[in-house]
Each structure stands twice: as C-alpha cells, then as structure tokens.
N, C-alpha and C. Protein backbone atom coordinates (compact mmCIF):
# COMPACT_ATOMS: atom_id res chain seq x y z
N UNK A 1 -6.80 29.12 51.74
CA UNK A 1 -6.13 29.76 53.00
C UNK A 1 -4.63 29.64 53.65
N UNK A 2 -4.32 30.74 53.99
CA UNK A 2 -2.57 30.58 54.35
C UNK A 2 -2.49 29.57 55.37
N UNK A 3 -1.46 29.21 55.37
CA UNK A 3 -1.14 27.94 56.47
C UNK A 3 -0.65 28.76 58.01
N UNK A 4 -1.20 29.72 57.84
CA UNK A 4 -1.24 29.86 59.77
C UNK A 4 -2.87 29.97 60.17
N UNK A 5 -3.42 30.30 59.41
CA UNK A 5 -4.91 30.32 59.36
C UNK A 5 -5.38 29.00 59.40
N UNK A 6 -4.33 28.08 58.21
CA UNK A 6 -4.94 26.48 58.63
C UNK A 6 -4.57 25.41 59.45
N UNK A 7 -3.16 26.24 60.09
CA UNK A 7 -2.55 25.80 61.69
C UNK A 7 -3.86 26.07 63.00
N UNK A 8 -4.50 27.28 62.87
CA UNK A 8 -5.37 27.63 64.18
C UNK A 8 -6.37 26.99 63.90
N UNK A 9 -6.95 26.74 62.24
CA UNK A 9 -8.42 25.93 62.16
C UNK A 9 -8.13 24.52 63.10
N UNK A 10 -7.32 24.02 63.32
CA UNK A 10 -7.07 22.46 63.91
C UNK A 10 -6.99 22.69 65.62
N UNK A 11 -6.77 24.03 65.91
CA UNK A 11 -7.07 24.77 67.08
C UNK A 11 -8.05 23.52 68.16
N UNK A 12 -9.37 24.05 67.46
CA UNK A 12 -10.54 22.92 67.97
C UNK A 12 -10.16 21.88 68.69
N UNK A 13 -9.44 20.92 67.26
CA UNK A 13 -9.50 19.46 67.56
C UNK A 13 -8.56 19.09 68.48
N UNK A 14 -7.55 20.28 69.11
CA UNK A 14 -6.94 19.96 69.87
C UNK A 14 -7.58 20.01 71.13
N UNK A 15 -8.36 21.32 71.53
CA UNK A 15 -9.11 21.84 72.56
C UNK A 15 -10.22 21.07 73.28
N UNK A 16 -11.00 19.82 72.11
CA UNK A 16 -11.92 19.16 72.34
C UNK A 16 -11.77 17.90 72.59
N UNK A 17 -9.97 17.59 72.07
CA UNK A 17 -9.67 16.42 72.40
C UNK A 17 -10.20 15.43 74.33
N UNK A 18 -10.19 14.24 73.91
CA UNK A 18 -11.05 13.46 75.66
C UNK A 18 -9.93 14.22 76.82
N UNK A 19 -10.32 14.62 77.42
CA UNK A 19 -9.00 14.38 79.00
C UNK A 19 -8.67 12.96 79.00
N UNK A 20 -7.93 12.95 80.42
CA UNK A 20 -6.93 12.15 80.21
C UNK A 20 -7.87 10.76 81.05
N UNK A 21 -8.25 11.65 81.71
CA UNK A 21 -9.18 10.77 83.46
C UNK A 21 -10.33 11.47 83.98
N UNK A 22 -11.43 10.53 84.45
CA UNK A 22 -11.92 10.91 85.43
C UNK A 22 -11.53 11.01 86.64
N UNK A 23 -11.16 12.56 87.52
CA UNK A 23 -10.33 12.52 88.54
C UNK A 23 -11.47 13.13 89.41
N UNK A 24 -11.14 12.71 90.72
CA UNK A 24 -12.31 13.23 92.26
C UNK A 24 -10.89 12.94 93.15
N UNK A 25 -10.83 14.14 93.43
CA UNK A 25 -9.71 14.61 94.54
C UNK A 25 -10.64 14.86 95.76
N UNK A 26 -10.06 13.98 97.08
CA UNK A 26 -10.54 14.03 98.16
C UNK A 26 -10.18 14.68 99.12
N UNK A 27 -10.62 15.48 100.21
CA UNK A 27 -10.06 15.90 101.25
C UNK A 27 -9.40 15.13 102.08
N UNK A 28 -7.92 15.80 102.34
CA UNK A 28 -7.38 15.12 103.41
C UNK A 28 -8.13 15.04 104.64
N UNK A 29 -7.77 14.13 105.62
CA UNK A 29 -8.63 14.01 107.01
C UNK A 29 -9.59 13.75 107.21
N UNK A 30 -10.20 12.87 105.86
CA UNK A 30 -11.62 12.72 105.97
C UNK A 30 -12.72 11.48 106.49
N UNK A 31 -11.72 11.30 107.44
CA UNK A 31 -11.97 9.20 107.74
C UNK A 31 -13.45 9.52 108.02
N UNK A 32 -14.01 8.21 107.80
CA UNK A 32 -15.50 8.07 108.10
C UNK A 32 -15.81 8.24 109.57
N UNK A 33 -16.70 8.37 110.10
CA UNK A 33 -17.46 8.13 111.71
C UNK A 33 -17.09 7.23 112.06
N UNK A 34 -17.33 6.14 111.46
CA UNK A 34 -17.47 4.60 111.90
C UNK A 34 -15.98 3.70 111.75
N UNK A 35 -15.35 4.57 111.36
CA UNK A 35 -13.72 3.90 111.06
C UNK A 35 -13.52 3.87 112.20
N UNK A 36 -13.11 2.58 112.96
CA UNK A 36 -12.01 2.62 113.87
C UNK A 36 -10.71 2.05 114.35
N UNK A 37 -10.10 2.39 112.77
CA UNK A 37 -8.64 1.80 112.81
C UNK A 37 -7.89 3.20 112.62
N UNK A 38 -6.44 2.79 112.48
CA UNK A 38 -5.77 4.09 113.21
C UNK A 38 -5.95 4.87 111.56
N UNK A 39 -5.72 5.92 112.00
CA UNK A 39 -6.12 7.43 111.07
C UNK A 39 -4.45 7.78 110.80
N UNK A 40 -4.23 6.55 109.76
CA UNK A 40 -2.70 7.00 109.25
C UNK A 40 -3.27 7.31 107.91
N UNK A 41 -2.38 7.98 106.90
CA UNK A 41 -2.21 8.66 106.12
C UNK A 41 -2.42 7.60 104.44
N UNK A 42 -2.11 6.78 104.99
CA UNK A 42 -1.97 5.57 104.13
C UNK A 42 -3.45 4.94 103.95
N UNK A 43 -4.55 5.43 104.81
CA UNK A 43 -5.86 4.96 104.84
C UNK A 43 -6.69 6.43 104.44
N UNK A 44 -6.00 7.36 104.34
CA UNK A 44 -6.83 8.69 103.43
C UNK A 44 -6.29 8.89 102.15
N UNK A 45 -7.67 8.72 101.33
CA UNK A 45 -7.64 8.81 100.09
C UNK A 45 -7.42 10.50 99.76
N UNK A 46 -6.26 10.84 99.14
CA UNK A 46 -6.55 12.19 98.50
C UNK A 46 -6.74 12.56 96.78
N UNK A 47 -7.47 11.09 95.75
CA UNK A 47 -7.45 11.96 94.76
C UNK A 47 -7.68 10.10 93.74
N UNK A 48 -8.06 10.10 92.92
CA UNK A 48 -9.36 8.74 92.28
C UNK A 48 -9.16 8.88 91.09
N UNK A 49 -8.65 8.09 90.22
CA UNK A 49 -8.85 8.50 88.87
C UNK A 49 -9.54 7.14 87.87
N UNK A 50 -10.05 7.68 87.20
CA UNK A 50 -10.39 6.64 86.17
C UNK A 50 -10.53 7.03 84.55
N UNK A 51 -9.73 5.75 83.76
CA UNK A 51 -9.63 6.08 82.38
C UNK A 51 -10.05 4.82 81.66
N UNK A 52 -10.80 5.19 80.02
CA UNK A 52 -10.73 4.34 79.82
C UNK A 52 -10.37 3.75 78.12
N UNK A 53 -9.26 3.21 77.61
CA UNK A 53 -8.87 2.98 76.30
C UNK A 53 -9.55 2.64 75.51
N UNK A 54 -10.46 2.98 74.25
CA UNK A 54 -11.18 1.90 74.00
C UNK A 54 -10.32 1.35 72.67
N UNK A 55 -9.29 1.91 72.56
CA UNK A 55 -7.84 0.60 71.77
C UNK A 55 -8.01 -0.66 71.85
N UNK A 56 -7.70 -0.49 73.27
CA UNK A 56 -6.98 -1.28 74.04
C UNK A 56 -8.08 -2.10 74.45
N UNK A 57 -9.02 -1.52 75.11
CA UNK A 57 -10.05 -2.14 76.00
C UNK A 57 -9.67 -2.02 77.43
N UNK A 58 -9.52 -1.06 77.84
CA UNK A 58 -8.91 -1.28 79.47
C UNK A 58 -9.32 0.32 80.53
N UNK A 59 -9.75 -0.50 81.50
CA UNK A 59 -9.50 0.31 82.18
C UNK A 59 -8.43 0.90 82.95
N UNK A 60 -8.15 2.11 83.14
CA UNK A 60 -6.86 2.60 83.41
C UNK A 60 -7.13 2.95 85.43
N UNK A 61 -7.10 2.08 86.50
CA UNK A 61 -7.72 3.13 87.66
C UNK A 61 -6.53 3.24 88.45
N UNK A 62 -6.38 4.68 89.35
CA UNK A 62 -5.53 4.99 89.71
C UNK A 62 -5.39 5.43 91.16
N UNK A 63 -5.25 5.11 92.04
CA UNK A 63 -5.74 6.10 93.58
C UNK A 63 -4.62 6.61 94.09
N UNK A 64 -4.64 7.85 94.97
CA UNK A 64 -3.55 8.69 95.47
C UNK A 64 -3.72 8.72 97.04
N UNK A 65 -2.89 7.95 97.79
CA UNK A 65 -3.44 8.31 99.19
C UNK A 65 -2.32 9.68 99.74
N UNK A 66 -2.68 9.65 101.46
CA UNK A 66 -2.02 11.21 101.92
C UNK A 66 -0.31 10.50 102.56
N UNK A 67 -0.38 9.40 102.29
CA UNK A 67 1.06 8.96 102.53
C UNK A 67 1.56 7.95 101.76
N UNK A 68 2.88 7.24 102.19
CA UNK A 68 2.96 6.25 101.09
C UNK A 68 2.70 4.78 101.93
N UNK A 69 1.91 4.50 100.19
CA UNK A 69 1.48 3.27 101.17
C UNK A 69 2.66 2.20 101.81
N UNK A 70 1.84 1.71 102.86
CA UNK A 70 3.12 0.72 103.58
C UNK A 70 2.65 -0.81 103.35
N UNK A 71 3.69 -1.39 103.00
CA UNK A 71 3.97 -2.70 102.42
C UNK A 71 3.28 -3.54 103.41
N UNK A 72 4.16 -3.61 104.35
CA UNK A 72 3.85 -4.20 105.86
C UNK A 72 2.38 -4.24 106.30
N UNK A 73 1.71 -3.27 106.27
CA UNK A 73 0.49 -2.25 106.93
C UNK A 73 -0.52 -3.87 106.83
N UNK A 74 -1.00 -4.53 105.47
CA UNK A 74 -1.61 -5.27 104.76
C UNK A 74 -3.15 -4.51 104.87
N UNK A 75 -3.09 -3.34 104.14
CA UNK A 75 -3.92 -2.97 104.14
C UNK A 75 -4.39 -2.76 102.53
N UNK A 76 -6.07 -2.73 102.44
CA UNK A 76 -6.87 -3.29 101.19
C UNK A 76 -6.92 -1.72 100.24
N UNK A 77 -6.89 -1.80 99.30
CA UNK A 77 -7.71 -0.37 98.64
C UNK A 77 -8.96 -1.41 97.50
N UNK A 78 -9.86 -1.15 97.63
CA UNK A 78 -11.02 -1.70 97.16
C UNK A 78 -12.30 -0.64 96.42
N UNK A 79 -11.87 -1.00 94.96
CA UNK A 79 -12.68 -0.36 93.99
C UNK A 79 -13.89 -1.12 93.80
N UNK A 80 -15.31 -0.18 93.73
CA UNK A 80 -16.34 -1.22 93.77
C UNK A 80 -16.39 -0.53 92.28
N UNK A 81 -17.55 -1.72 91.54
CA UNK A 81 -17.27 -1.19 89.86
C UNK A 81 -18.96 -1.50 89.88
N UNK A 82 -19.78 -0.64 89.38
CA UNK A 82 -21.04 -0.11 88.19
C UNK A 82 -21.58 -0.90 87.52
N UNK A 83 -21.15 -2.16 86.95
CA UNK A 83 -21.35 -2.49 85.25
C UNK A 83 -23.03 -1.80 84.94
N UNK A 84 -23.92 -2.08 85.42
CA UNK A 84 -25.06 -1.49 85.27
C UNK A 84 -26.07 -2.81 86.07
N UNK A 85 -25.60 -3.37 87.14
CA UNK A 85 -26.42 -4.37 87.77
C UNK A 85 -26.40 -3.80 89.42
N UNK A 86 -25.88 -2.73 89.54
CA UNK A 86 -26.37 -2.14 90.86
C UNK A 86 -27.10 -3.40 91.62
N UNK A 87 -25.85 -4.69 91.99
CA UNK A 87 -26.60 -5.33 92.93
C UNK A 87 -26.29 -4.95 93.98
N UNK A 88 -25.36 -4.41 94.59
CA UNK A 88 -24.61 -4.46 96.16
C UNK A 88 -24.23 -2.75 96.07
N UNK A 89 -25.45 -2.60 97.63
CA UNK A 89 -25.63 -1.07 98.44
C UNK A 89 -25.48 -1.79 99.80
N UNK A 90 -23.55 -1.58 100.22
CA UNK A 90 -24.17 -2.60 101.58
C UNK A 90 -23.72 -1.26 102.55
N UNK A 91 -24.03 0.25 102.21
CA UNK A 91 -23.15 0.93 103.28
C UNK A 91 -23.94 1.91 103.91
N UNK A 92 -25.42 1.82 103.76
CA UNK A 92 -26.40 2.84 103.97
C UNK A 92 -26.13 3.24 105.68
N UNK A 93 -25.96 2.19 105.91
CA UNK A 93 -25.42 2.04 107.88
C UNK A 93 -24.61 3.61 108.02
N UNK A 94 -23.49 3.59 106.97
CA UNK A 94 -22.12 4.43 107.39
C UNK A 94 -22.17 5.85 106.85
N UNK A 95 -24.04 5.93 106.41
CA UNK A 95 -24.21 7.09 105.53
C UNK A 95 -23.45 7.22 103.88
N UNK A 96 -23.32 6.26 103.00
CA UNK A 96 -22.68 6.21 101.59
C UNK A 96 -23.67 5.27 101.33
N UNK A 97 -25.28 5.34 101.26
CA UNK A 97 -26.12 4.74 100.11
C UNK A 97 -26.09 4.37 98.82
N UNK A 98 -25.29 5.51 98.12
CA UNK A 98 -24.72 5.57 96.72
C UNK A 98 -24.11 4.95 96.12
N UNK A 99 -22.87 4.68 96.87
CA UNK A 99 -21.75 3.64 96.63
C UNK A 99 -22.44 2.21 96.23
N UNK A 100 -22.68 1.78 94.85
CA UNK A 100 -23.47 1.21 94.22
C UNK A 100 -22.70 0.33 93.61
N UNK A 101 -22.49 -1.34 93.51
CA UNK A 101 -21.63 -1.73 92.64
C UNK A 101 -22.03 -3.06 92.74
N UNK A 102 -21.33 -3.74 91.58
CA UNK A 102 -21.81 -5.07 90.97
C UNK A 102 -20.38 -6.31 90.90
N UNK A 103 -19.36 -5.25 91.36
CA UNK A 103 -17.98 -6.10 91.04
C UNK A 103 -16.89 -5.61 91.98
N UNK A 104 -15.56 -5.99 92.38
CA UNK A 104 -14.62 -5.09 93.54
C UNK A 104 -13.45 -5.76 92.53
N UNK A 105 -12.92 -4.46 92.53
CA UNK A 105 -11.02 -4.73 92.60
C UNK A 105 -10.64 -4.52 93.35
N UNK A 106 -9.68 -5.13 93.93
CA UNK A 106 -8.48 -5.39 95.45
C UNK A 106 -6.92 -4.95 94.81
N UNK A 107 -6.73 -3.89 95.69
CA UNK A 107 -4.99 -3.75 95.31
C UNK A 107 -4.65 -3.62 96.84
N UNK A 108 -3.84 -5.20 97.19
CA UNK A 108 -3.03 -5.32 98.35
C UNK A 108 -2.18 -4.32 98.59
N UNK A 109 -1.81 -4.00 100.30
CA UNK A 109 -0.79 -2.98 99.93
C UNK A 109 0.84 -4.19 100.26
N UNK A 110 0.58 -4.96 100.15
CA UNK A 110 1.74 -6.55 100.73
C UNK A 110 2.22 -6.52 98.96
N UNK A 111 1.33 -5.91 98.50
CA UNK A 111 1.72 -6.43 96.61
C UNK A 111 0.67 -7.56 95.82
N UNK A 112 -0.20 -6.99 95.23
CA UNK A 112 -1.29 -7.77 95.00
C UNK A 112 -2.25 -7.50 94.15
N UNK A 113 -2.60 -7.96 93.07
CA UNK A 113 -4.14 -6.66 92.85
C UNK A 113 -4.88 -7.99 92.26
N UNK A 114 -6.13 -7.96 92.33
CA UNK A 114 -7.51 -9.45 91.62
C UNK A 114 -8.78 -8.56 91.46
N UNK A 115 -9.29 -9.07 90.46
CA UNK A 115 -10.97 -8.90 90.39
C UNK A 115 -11.74 -9.83 90.96
N UNK A 116 -12.38 -10.04 91.88
CA UNK A 116 -13.06 -10.39 92.73
C UNK A 116 -12.54 -11.18 93.86
N UNK A 117 -11.45 -12.51 93.10
CA UNK A 117 -10.87 -12.73 94.10
C UNK A 117 -9.57 -13.05 93.59
N UNK A 118 -8.48 -13.82 94.04
CA UNK A 118 -7.10 -13.81 93.86
C UNK A 118 -7.02 -14.84 92.76
N UNK A 119 -7.69 -15.32 91.96
CA UNK A 119 -7.64 -16.15 90.83
C UNK A 119 -7.80 -15.33 89.82
N UNK A 120 -8.09 -14.25 89.56
CA UNK A 120 -8.20 -13.50 89.05
C UNK A 120 -7.11 -11.67 89.10
N UNK A 121 -6.11 -12.48 88.64
CA UNK A 121 -4.78 -11.24 89.01
C UNK A 121 -4.84 -10.81 88.00
N UNK A 122 -4.57 -8.70 88.47
CA UNK A 122 -4.52 -7.87 86.97
C UNK A 122 -3.28 -7.24 87.58
N UNK A 123 -2.86 -6.58 86.54
CA UNK A 123 -1.48 -5.91 86.53
C UNK A 123 -1.58 -4.60 87.07
N UNK A 124 -0.40 -4.22 88.04
CA UNK A 124 -0.89 -3.08 88.63
C UNK A 124 0.64 -2.80 89.39
N UNK A 125 0.62 -1.08 90.11
CA UNK A 125 1.87 -0.66 90.09
C UNK A 125 1.43 0.05 91.48
N UNK A 126 2.50 0.16 92.36
CA UNK A 126 2.47 0.87 93.54
C UNK A 126 3.78 1.44 93.82
N UNK A 127 3.90 2.91 93.87
CA UNK A 127 4.59 3.89 94.10
C UNK A 127 4.61 4.55 95.42
N UNK A 128 5.16 4.47 96.14
CA UNK A 128 4.89 5.69 97.39
C UNK A 128 3.83 6.04 97.38
N UNK A 129 3.06 6.68 97.68
CA UNK A 129 1.23 7.01 97.78
C UNK A 129 0.71 6.75 96.77
N UNK A 130 0.75 6.17 95.62
CA UNK A 130 0.07 5.82 94.40
C UNK A 130 0.07 4.45 93.74
N UNK A 131 -0.76 4.00 93.31
CA UNK A 131 -1.51 2.42 92.78
C UNK A 131 -2.10 2.89 91.40
N UNK A 132 -1.54 2.14 90.60
CA UNK A 132 -2.57 1.98 89.48
C UNK A 132 -2.81 0.82 89.06
N UNK A 133 -3.73 0.25 88.57
CA UNK A 133 -4.58 -0.63 88.20
C UNK A 133 -5.09 -1.01 87.10
N UNK A 134 -4.73 -2.21 86.18
CA UNK A 134 -5.04 -2.22 84.83
C UNK A 134 -6.16 -3.00 84.61
N UNK A 135 -7.69 -2.81 84.23
CA UNK A 135 -8.54 -3.99 84.38
C UNK A 135 -9.21 -3.83 82.41
N UNK A 136 -8.88 -5.19 82.07
CA UNK A 136 -9.51 -5.19 80.72
C UNK A 136 -10.69 -5.32 81.27
N UNK A 137 -11.85 -4.72 79.76
CA UNK A 137 -13.46 -4.72 80.05
C UNK A 137 -13.65 -6.34 79.62
N UNK A 138 -12.62 -6.97 78.92
CA UNK A 138 -13.52 -8.57 79.22
C UNK A 138 -13.69 -8.95 80.29
N UNK A 139 -13.19 -8.22 81.46
CA UNK A 139 -13.43 -9.20 83.14
C UNK A 139 -14.15 -8.10 83.86
N UNK A 140 -14.77 -7.61 82.86
CA UNK A 140 -16.12 -6.58 83.52
C UNK A 140 -17.34 -6.99 82.65
N UNK A 141 -17.65 -7.39 82.38
CA UNK A 141 -18.95 -8.34 81.27
C UNK A 141 -19.98 -6.82 81.52
N UNK A 142 -20.54 -6.62 80.51
CA UNK A 142 -21.46 -5.54 80.57
C UNK A 142 -22.88 -5.85 80.81
N UNK A 143 -23.42 -5.28 81.36
CA UNK A 143 -25.22 -5.52 81.70
C UNK A 143 -25.99 -4.68 80.82
N UNK A 144 -25.38 -4.14 79.56
CA UNK A 144 -25.81 -3.57 78.43
C UNK A 144 -25.05 -1.86 78.58
N UNK A 145 -24.78 -2.04 79.50
CA UNK A 145 -24.27 -0.13 78.97
C UNK A 145 -22.63 -0.70 79.00
N UNK A 146 -22.81 1.26 78.18
CA UNK A 146 -21.41 1.10 77.52
C UNK A 146 -20.40 1.30 78.50
N UNK A 147 -18.73 0.98 78.26
CA UNK A 147 -18.25 1.24 79.30
C UNK A 147 -17.57 2.83 80.00
N UNK A 148 -17.79 3.46 79.50
CA UNK A 148 -17.77 4.91 80.02
C UNK A 148 -18.87 5.41 80.85
N UNK A 149 -19.78 4.19 80.93
CA UNK A 149 -21.23 4.42 81.43
C UNK A 149 -21.08 3.47 83.08
N UNK A 150 -19.82 2.63 83.05
CA UNK A 150 -19.89 1.99 84.31
C UNK A 150 -18.66 3.15 85.08
N UNK A 151 -19.84 2.74 86.27
CA UNK A 151 -19.10 3.78 87.97
C UNK A 151 -18.34 2.80 88.33
N UNK A 152 -17.81 3.61 89.55
CA UNK A 152 -16.43 3.44 90.12
C UNK A 152 -16.51 4.41 91.37
N UNK A 153 -15.88 3.94 92.81
CA UNK A 153 -15.85 4.03 93.70
C UNK A 153 -14.56 3.54 94.59
N UNK A 154 -13.94 4.27 95.17
CA UNK A 154 -12.07 3.15 96.31
C UNK A 154 -12.99 3.86 97.33
N UNK A 155 -12.07 2.49 98.06
CA UNK A 155 -12.21 2.92 99.71
C UNK A 155 -11.40 1.55 100.10
N UNK A 156 -10.82 2.11 101.34
CA UNK A 156 -9.40 1.70 101.32
C UNK A 156 -10.12 0.84 103.15
N UNK A 157 -9.58 -0.13 103.07
CA UNK A 157 -10.24 -1.52 104.55
C UNK A 157 -8.66 -1.59 105.01
N UNK A 158 -8.90 -1.97 106.73
CA UNK A 158 -7.83 -2.71 107.14
C UNK A 158 -7.81 -3.71 106.97
N UNK A 159 -9.51 -4.44 106.38
CA UNK A 159 -9.49 -6.13 106.47
C UNK A 159 -10.09 -6.62 104.95
N UNK A 160 -10.39 -7.79 104.85
CA UNK A 160 -11.39 -7.92 103.89
C UNK A 160 -12.84 -8.75 104.13
N UNK A 161 -13.03 -8.75 105.49
CA UNK A 161 -14.30 -8.88 105.79
C UNK A 161 -15.40 -8.22 105.46
N UNK A 162 -16.12 -8.30 104.61
CA UNK A 162 -17.13 -7.49 103.96
C UNK A 162 -18.35 -7.37 105.56
N UNK A 163 -18.85 -7.78 106.19
CA UNK A 163 -19.31 -7.21 107.32
C UNK A 163 -18.60 -5.96 107.78
N UNK A 164 -17.57 -5.78 108.46
CA UNK A 164 -16.68 -5.33 109.41
C UNK A 164 -16.69 -3.90 108.44
N UNK A 165 -17.85 -3.47 108.41
CA UNK A 165 -17.81 -1.87 107.88
C UNK A 165 -16.79 -0.81 108.82
N UNK A 166 -16.82 -1.06 109.98
CA UNK A 166 -15.42 -0.52 110.84
C UNK A 166 -14.23 0.15 110.07
N UNK A 167 -13.92 -1.21 109.46
CA UNK A 167 -12.55 -1.48 108.56
C UNK A 167 -12.37 -0.57 107.55
N UNK A 168 -13.48 0.32 107.15
CA UNK A 168 -13.25 0.98 105.99
C UNK A 168 -13.25 2.60 106.31
N UNK A 169 -11.95 3.27 106.02
CA UNK A 169 -11.46 4.53 106.40
C UNK A 169 -11.92 5.90 105.76
N UNK A 170 -12.08 5.19 104.28
CA UNK A 170 -12.44 6.67 103.61
C UNK A 170 -12.77 6.02 102.15
N UNK A 171 -14.11 7.45 101.97
CA UNK A 171 -14.54 6.70 100.45
C UNK A 171 -14.11 8.32 99.56
N UNK A 172 -13.77 7.92 98.16
CA UNK A 172 -13.77 8.94 97.57
C UNK A 172 -14.51 8.11 95.80
N UNK A 173 -15.17 8.69 95.61
CA UNK A 173 -16.07 10.11 95.71
C UNK A 173 -16.64 10.05 96.99
N UNK A 174 -17.36 11.01 97.87
CA UNK A 174 -18.09 10.56 99.18
C UNK A 174 -19.43 10.21 98.40
N UNK A 175 -20.19 9.06 98.75
CA UNK A 175 -21.36 9.12 98.71
C UNK A 175 -21.85 9.13 97.35
N UNK A 176 -20.67 8.62 96.38
CA UNK A 176 -21.10 8.75 94.85
C UNK A 176 -20.19 7.59 93.87
N UNK A 177 -20.52 7.91 92.88
CA UNK A 177 -19.33 7.27 91.93
C UNK A 177 -18.97 8.28 90.59
N UNK A 178 -17.76 7.53 90.36
CA UNK A 178 -17.54 8.72 89.25
C UNK A 178 -17.13 7.87 87.96
N UNK A 179 -17.48 8.28 86.83
CA UNK A 179 -17.48 7.55 85.46
C UNK A 179 -16.56 7.39 85.23
N UNK A 180 -15.92 6.51 84.12
CA UNK A 180 -14.34 6.66 83.01
C UNK A 180 -14.30 7.68 81.97
N UNK A 181 -13.62 8.57 81.74
CA UNK A 181 -13.46 9.41 80.59
C UNK A 181 -12.42 8.70 80.12
N UNK A 182 -13.06 8.69 78.25
CA UNK A 182 -11.81 7.27 76.96
C UNK A 182 -11.08 8.67 76.84
N UNK A 183 -9.73 7.89 76.86
CA UNK A 183 -8.50 8.24 76.42
C UNK A 183 -8.45 8.58 75.01
N UNK A 184 -7.46 9.67 74.72
CA UNK A 184 -7.55 9.52 73.10
C UNK A 184 -6.33 8.02 72.67
N UNK A 185 -7.01 7.79 71.34
CA UNK A 185 -6.42 6.63 71.03
C UNK A 185 -5.08 6.58 70.23
N UNK A 186 -4.27 6.01 69.81
CA UNK A 186 -2.71 6.92 69.24
C UNK A 186 -3.59 7.55 67.66
N UNK A 187 -4.21 6.92 67.28
CA UNK A 187 -3.88 7.81 65.85
C UNK A 187 -4.71 9.20 66.03
N UNK A 188 -5.18 9.20 67.43
CA UNK A 188 -5.65 10.33 67.73
C UNK A 188 -4.81 11.51 68.28
N UNK A 189 -3.70 10.87 69.04
CA UNK A 189 -2.82 11.38 69.22
C UNK A 189 -2.10 12.01 67.96
N UNK A 190 -1.71 10.92 67.45
CA UNK A 190 -0.69 11.47 65.77
C UNK A 190 -1.58 12.49 65.30
N UNK A 191 -2.51 12.57 65.61
CA UNK A 191 -3.01 13.97 64.68
C UNK A 191 -2.89 14.55 65.41
N UNK A 192 -2.90 15.10 66.85
CA UNK A 192 -2.74 16.24 67.87
C UNK A 192 -1.73 16.85 67.46
N UNK A 193 -0.49 15.74 67.43
CA UNK A 193 0.99 16.04 67.30
C UNK A 193 1.39 16.77 65.51
N UNK A 194 0.43 15.96 64.90
CA UNK A 194 0.42 16.81 63.34
C UNK A 194 -0.14 18.25 63.27
N UNK A 195 -0.93 18.10 64.22
CA UNK A 195 -1.71 19.59 64.09
C UNK A 195 -0.85 20.19 64.92
N UNK A 196 0.02 20.56 65.90
CA UNK A 196 0.91 20.73 66.90
C UNK A 196 2.28 21.51 65.54
N UNK A 197 2.80 20.32 65.18
CA UNK A 197 3.27 20.34 64.12
C UNK A 197 3.39 21.53 62.80
N UNK A 198 2.18 21.36 62.34
CA UNK A 198 1.68 22.56 61.27
C UNK A 198 1.53 23.93 61.76
N UNK A 199 0.74 23.77 63.23
CA UNK A 199 1.00 25.22 63.57
C UNK A 199 2.29 25.92 63.55
N UNK A 200 3.31 25.18 64.28
CA UNK A 200 4.92 25.34 64.66
C UNK A 200 5.57 25.75 63.51
N UNK A 201 4.85 25.06 62.34
CA UNK A 201 6.06 25.41 61.18
C UNK A 201 4.87 26.70 60.24
N UNK A 202 3.65 27.02 60.37
CA UNK A 202 2.95 28.38 60.17
C UNK A 202 3.46 29.36 60.95
N UNK A 203 3.68 29.73 61.97
CA UNK A 203 4.34 30.37 62.93
C UNK A 203 5.57 30.56 62.92
N UNK A 204 6.14 29.35 62.32
CA UNK A 204 7.68 29.96 62.12
C UNK A 204 7.91 31.00 60.69
N UNK A 205 7.04 30.43 59.52
CA UNK A 205 7.00 31.04 58.28
C UNK A 205 6.45 32.24 58.56
N UNK A 206 5.46 32.67 59.06
CA UNK A 206 4.59 33.82 59.38
C UNK A 206 5.98 34.74 59.87
N UNK A 207 6.51 34.62 61.23
CA UNK A 207 7.85 35.05 61.72
C UNK A 207 8.86 35.74 60.44
N UNK A 208 9.21 34.86 59.50
CA UNK A 208 10.27 34.94 58.80
C UNK A 208 9.70 35.79 58.00
N UNK A 209 8.45 35.89 57.19
CA UNK A 209 7.75 36.59 56.43
C UNK A 209 8.14 38.34 57.05
N UNK A 210 7.99 37.97 58.09
CA UNK A 210 7.45 39.19 59.21
C UNK A 210 9.09 40.26 59.54
N UNK A 211 10.19 39.38 59.29
CA UNK A 211 11.14 40.05 59.32
C UNK A 211 11.71 40.53 58.06
N UNK A 212 12.33 42.35 58.63
CA UNK A 212 12.97 42.90 57.12
C UNK A 212 14.37 41.78 56.97
N UNK A 213 14.11 41.66 55.15
CA UNK A 213 15.42 41.13 54.87
C UNK A 213 16.77 42.06 54.66
N UNK A 214 17.86 41.52 55.15
CA UNK A 214 19.20 41.91 55.74
C UNK A 214 19.97 42.60 54.75
N UNK A 215 19.25 41.78 53.89
CA UNK A 215 20.67 41.71 52.34
C UNK A 215 20.52 43.04 51.68
C-alpha cells in the first residue's frame, strides 16, 4: 500500500471519532408561560451541552444564556440528572412532564456550584453568558445505567424554592432530556494527530513526486 493510500485509509478513524458533546440548541425568547419573573437574557437558555470523559470519569456540563450572567442577580442554573431512578418529575403542571431527574446540579450566578446542597462543591467557570461545571461520576452513583445513558436537562430559576414553579424561566431541551457524548481519551487524540501527520507527509511526498525535476 502506498503512503498516500495508507494515509487515506486512516480517514474513517478520524470521521468516526466521538463528537465533543451532545448539544441542545434552544430558541431565544421562549420563556415558559408560567414564568412570572423578569424576561431577561440571563434567564433565557440558548445552548446546553453535556460531555463525558471516560478517562477521567467526569461530566462536563455547559450552558449558554442569551445575555451575560449577572453576578448581582442571584439567579440559579439548575441541571436535573436522571441516573436511572427517575424519582422526581414535578413539572407536569407547567407542560414539561418528561423532565425526570433524581439528582440536581446547581450553578449560582453569584459564583457557586454544587451537587444537591452547598456541602458538595463543584469546579465551575462563569464567563460572560456561558458557564461550565464539572461533575465527577463518583458523585452521581449509578443505578445500573452506563454513564452515557444518564440524562440531563437545564432550567434557570430566580430562586431555589422547589414548589415555586413560577420561578423557572426556560427548559433546555424543552420537555425532554439529553444524553452525554463520550469525548475522545488522550490516546485517541494522539492516534488522530498521528493519522493527520501521516496524511500530511504522504501528500507532500506525492506532490514532490509529481513535480518535474528542474536539474
């Protein structure tokens, strides 16, 4: 097999590599009818994604809002996680009965992130209209599901009083959950880079063979 043919034989590996994350794109301005708070951009989800790294066993959850997150607003971005128990489904009365969860991750606009309560702090970032939070698999014990079968939904709130459903401004995705996508492990990335390097070398060699000698 020629170097060029071998390089292109690696392309299916590149094409079939895992995507970076499962992403949900949410329309701007789709505040739910039951919401009674201010319809501001920092309560309006525009994007939501979940990735799982099997090497580190960490979920990377990311959310994007339609405007910069205001640290003085005291808002909360709650991520419901269904590890398989599906114990809580409280949103039927506001038209979201398929949002089912048994754990919650909270990111506060003032600068905090935790699982369940503040004693379980999580690593997070807030930058402009975006946030990320890392959740170790060990903090979301399995009920028998594979981590890639866990399900996630994001909803901003103006307070953390669970019965106050009027404090919820948006759901992403609407009335459903998303599953995480596995990110490539470091060894996989090295293999992909190696493949790209071989492809580049082979293409340069082929081009050199096709250029007539100037001597």
